């Protein structure tokens, strides 16, 4: 008598792999719903020791949770405000950086051309290797920020 091709263990493995694929597909499609719950679970697990300590100090549990969440929200608002001021400072000083970088790059460009290096050709080669976004960004930086300082245009 011949051995059966499909064994019971093999069938169990195939069924389990099929169930895993179905579960992972469901999780992927439900990620917009699941992620907030997972984040809430993470925050609850992280804050639970602090809440327990505050309840031992005879602070009501609801007040302890409210106080901790309020502290987290205030810290996030302060962080966003600090980042906003830092980004405003960077935006204000960016033209100074642009002009200080453009002059050395313009002095470097003729030397590169004498050495046989075409800047736009190099950018096009990088476009093939990197994404199209990098290509558009690098050409924008070269044309809009360095080229206007070129002495050939004056």
Protein backbone atom coordinates (compact mmCIF):
# COMPACT_ATOMS: atom_id res chain seq x y z
CA UNK A 1 0.00 0.00 0.00
CA UNK A 2 1.33 3.45 -0.96
CA UNK A 3 1.91 6.24 1.52
CA UNK A 4 -0.59 9.10 1.30
CA UNK A 5 0.88 12.31 -0.15
CA UNK A 6 -1.02 14.55 2.25
CA UNK A 7 -0.34 13.75 5.88
CA UNK A 8 -2.29 14.95 8.89
CA UNK A 9 0.63 17.03 10.20
CA UNK A 10 1.18 18.64 6.81
CA UNK A 11 -2.51 19.51 6.58
CA UNK A 12 -2.41 21.07 10.07
CA UNK A 13 0.60 23.23 9.10
CA UNK A 14 -1.10 24.42 5.90
CA UNK A 15 -4.30 25.28 7.79
CA UNK A 16 -2.33 27.15 10.48
CA UNK A 17 -0.40 29.12 7.86
CA UNK A 18 -3.66 29.97 6.10
CA UNK A 19 -5.16 31.21 9.36
CA UNK A 20 -2.04 33.28 10.02
CA UNK A 21 -2.31 34.91 6.59
CA UNK A 22 -5.99 35.70 7.18
CA UNK A 23 -5.30 37.16 10.65
CA UNK A 24 -2.38 39.29 9.44
CA UNK A 25 -4.43 40.56 6.49
CA UNK A 26 -7.24 41.49 8.85
CA UNK A 27 -4.83 43.31 11.15
CA UNK A 28 -3.38 45.20 8.20
CA UNK A 29 -6.79 46.37 7.01
CA UNK A 30 -7.91 47.22 10.56
CA UNK A 31 -4.70 49.07 11.46
CA UNK A 32 -6.47 52.45 11.54
CA UNK A 33 -8.72 51.10 14.27
CA UNK A 34 -6.21 48.92 16.13
CA UNK A 35 -3.32 51.41 16.45
CA UNK A 36 -5.10 53.81 18.85
CA UNK A 37 -6.05 50.90 21.09
CA UNK A 38 -2.50 49.58 21.12
CA UNK A 39 -1.20 53.07 21.91
CA UNK A 40 -3.71 53.40 24.75
CA UNK A 41 -2.66 50.00 26.09
CA UNK A 42 1.00 51.06 25.93
CA UNK A 43 0.29 54.30 27.83
CA UNK A 44 -1.75 52.40 30.43
CA UNK A 45 1.02 49.86 31.01
CA UNK A 46 3.68 52.58 31.27
CA UNK A 47 1.65 54.79 33.63
CA UNK A 48 0.29 51.98 35.84
CA UNK A 49 3.25 51.97 38.29
CA UNK A 50 2.91 55.74 38.76
CA UNK A 51 -0.84 55.44 39.27
CA UNK A 52 -0.30 52.64 41.81
CA UNK A 53 2.24 54.76 43.71
CA UNK A 54 -0.14 57.74 43.75
CA UNK A 55 -3.00 55.58 45.03
CA UNK A 56 -0.73 54.41 47.86
CA UNK A 57 -0.27 58.10 48.72
CA UNK A 58 -4.07 58.27 49.10
CA UNK A 59 -4.72 60.14 45.86
CA UNK A 60 -7.92 58.86 44.20
CA UNK A 61 -7.24 56.72 41.13
CA UNK A 62 -9.29 58.91 38.75
CA UNK A 63 -7.47 62.03 39.95
CA UNK A 64 -4.08 60.31 39.59
CA UNK A 65 -4.83 59.25 36.01
CA UNK A 66 -6.18 62.70 35.13
CA UNK A 67 -3.12 64.37 36.64
CA UNK A 68 -0.67 62.12 34.77
CA UNK A 69 -2.47 62.54 31.42
CA UNK A 70 -2.55 66.32 31.97
CA UNK A 71 1.19 66.33 32.63
CA UNK A 72 1.79 64.38 29.42
CA UNK A 73 -0.39 66.77 27.39
CA UNK A 74 1.37 69.83 28.85
CA UNK A 75 4.78 68.29 28.09
CA UNK A 76 3.74 67.60 24.50
CA UNK A 77 2.43 71.16 24.04
CA UNK A 78 5.70 72.57 25.42
CA UNK A 79 7.70 70.30 23.11
CA UNK A 80 5.70 71.38 20.06
CA UNK A 81 6.09 75.05 21.04
CA UNK A 82 9.85 74.62 21.42
CA UNK A 83 10.11 72.84 18.07
CA UNK A 84 8.00 75.55 16.44
CA UNK A 85 10.29 78.31 17.67
CA UNK A 86 13.35 76.34 16.59
CA UNK A 87 11.92 75.85 13.10
CA UNK A 88 11.06 79.56 12.88
CA UNK A 89 14.63 80.41 13.86
CA UNK A 90 15.94 78.06 11.17
CA UNK A 91 13.63 79.56 8.54
CA UNK A 92 14.81 83.03 9.48
CA UNK A 93 18.53 82.16 9.25
CA UNK A 94 18.25 79.92 6.17
CA UNK A 95 18.98 82.70 3.63
CA UNK A 96 22.23 83.47 5.47
CA UNK A 97 23.24 79.82 5.27
CA UNK A 98 22.25 79.70 1.61
CA UNK A 99 24.45 82.63 0.67
CA UNK A 100 27.36 81.38 2.74
CA UNK A 101 27.18 77.96 1.04
CA UNK A 102 26.54 79.26 -2.48
CA UNK A 103 29.79 81.20 -2.82
CA UNK A 104 32.12 78.24 -2.08
CA UNK A 105 30.04 76.01 -4.34
CA UNK A 106 30.29 78.54 -7.17
CA UNK A 107 34.05 78.64 -6.72
CA UNK A 108 34.07 74.85 -6.86
CA UNK A 109 31.94 74.59 -10.03
CA UNK A 110 34.59 75.82 -12.56
CA UNK A 111 37.17 73.52 -11.02
CA UNK A 112 34.77 70.58 -11.36
CA UNK A 113 34.06 71.47 -15.00
CA UNK A 114 37.81 71.64 -15.76
CA UNK A 115 38.12 68.21 -14.18
CA UNK A 116 35.40 66.96 -16.53
CA UNK A 117 32.61 66.71 -13.98
CA UNK A 118 29.27 68.01 -15.17
CA UNK A 119 27.07 68.81 -12.18
CA UNK A 120 23.74 68.36 -13.99
CA UNK A 121 24.95 65.05 -15.46
CA UNK A 122 25.81 63.86 -11.96
CA UNK A 123 22.36 64.91 -10.74
CA UNK A 124 20.69 62.97 -13.56
CA UNK A 125 22.70 59.88 -12.67
CA UNK A 126 21.61 60.21 -9.05
CA UNK A 127 18.02 60.43 -10.28
CA UNK A 128 18.31 56.94 -11.68
CA UNK A 129 19.75 55.58 -8.45
CA UNK A 130 17.61 57.50 -5.96
CA UNK A 131 13.98 58.46 -6.12
CA UNK A 132 12.47 61.08 -8.38
CA UNK A 133 11.87 63.27 -5.32
CA UNK A 134 15.60 63.47 -4.66
CA UNK A 135 16.17 64.46 -8.28
CA UNK A 136 13.61 67.26 -8.17
CA UNK A 137 14.92 68.47 -4.83
CA UNK A 138 18.57 68.51 -5.88
CA UNK A 139 17.84 70.29 -9.17
CA UNK A 140 15.71 72.82 -7.30
CA UNK A 141 18.51 73.48 -4.82
CA UNK A 142 21.05 73.92 -7.60
CA UNK A 143 18.93 76.06 -9.93
CA UNK A 144 17.01 78.14 -7.39
CA UNK A 145 19.63 78.65 -4.72
CA UNK A 146 23.09 78.46 -6.26
CA UNK A 147 22.61 79.48 -9.88
CA UNK A 148 21.25 83.00 -9.11
CA UNK A 149 24.55 83.81 -7.36
CA UNK A 150 26.53 82.87 -10.45
CA UNK A 151 28.71 85.74 -11.72
CA UNK A 152 27.77 84.81 -15.31
CA UNK A 153 24.28 86.22 -14.76
CA UNK A 154 25.45 89.62 -13.52
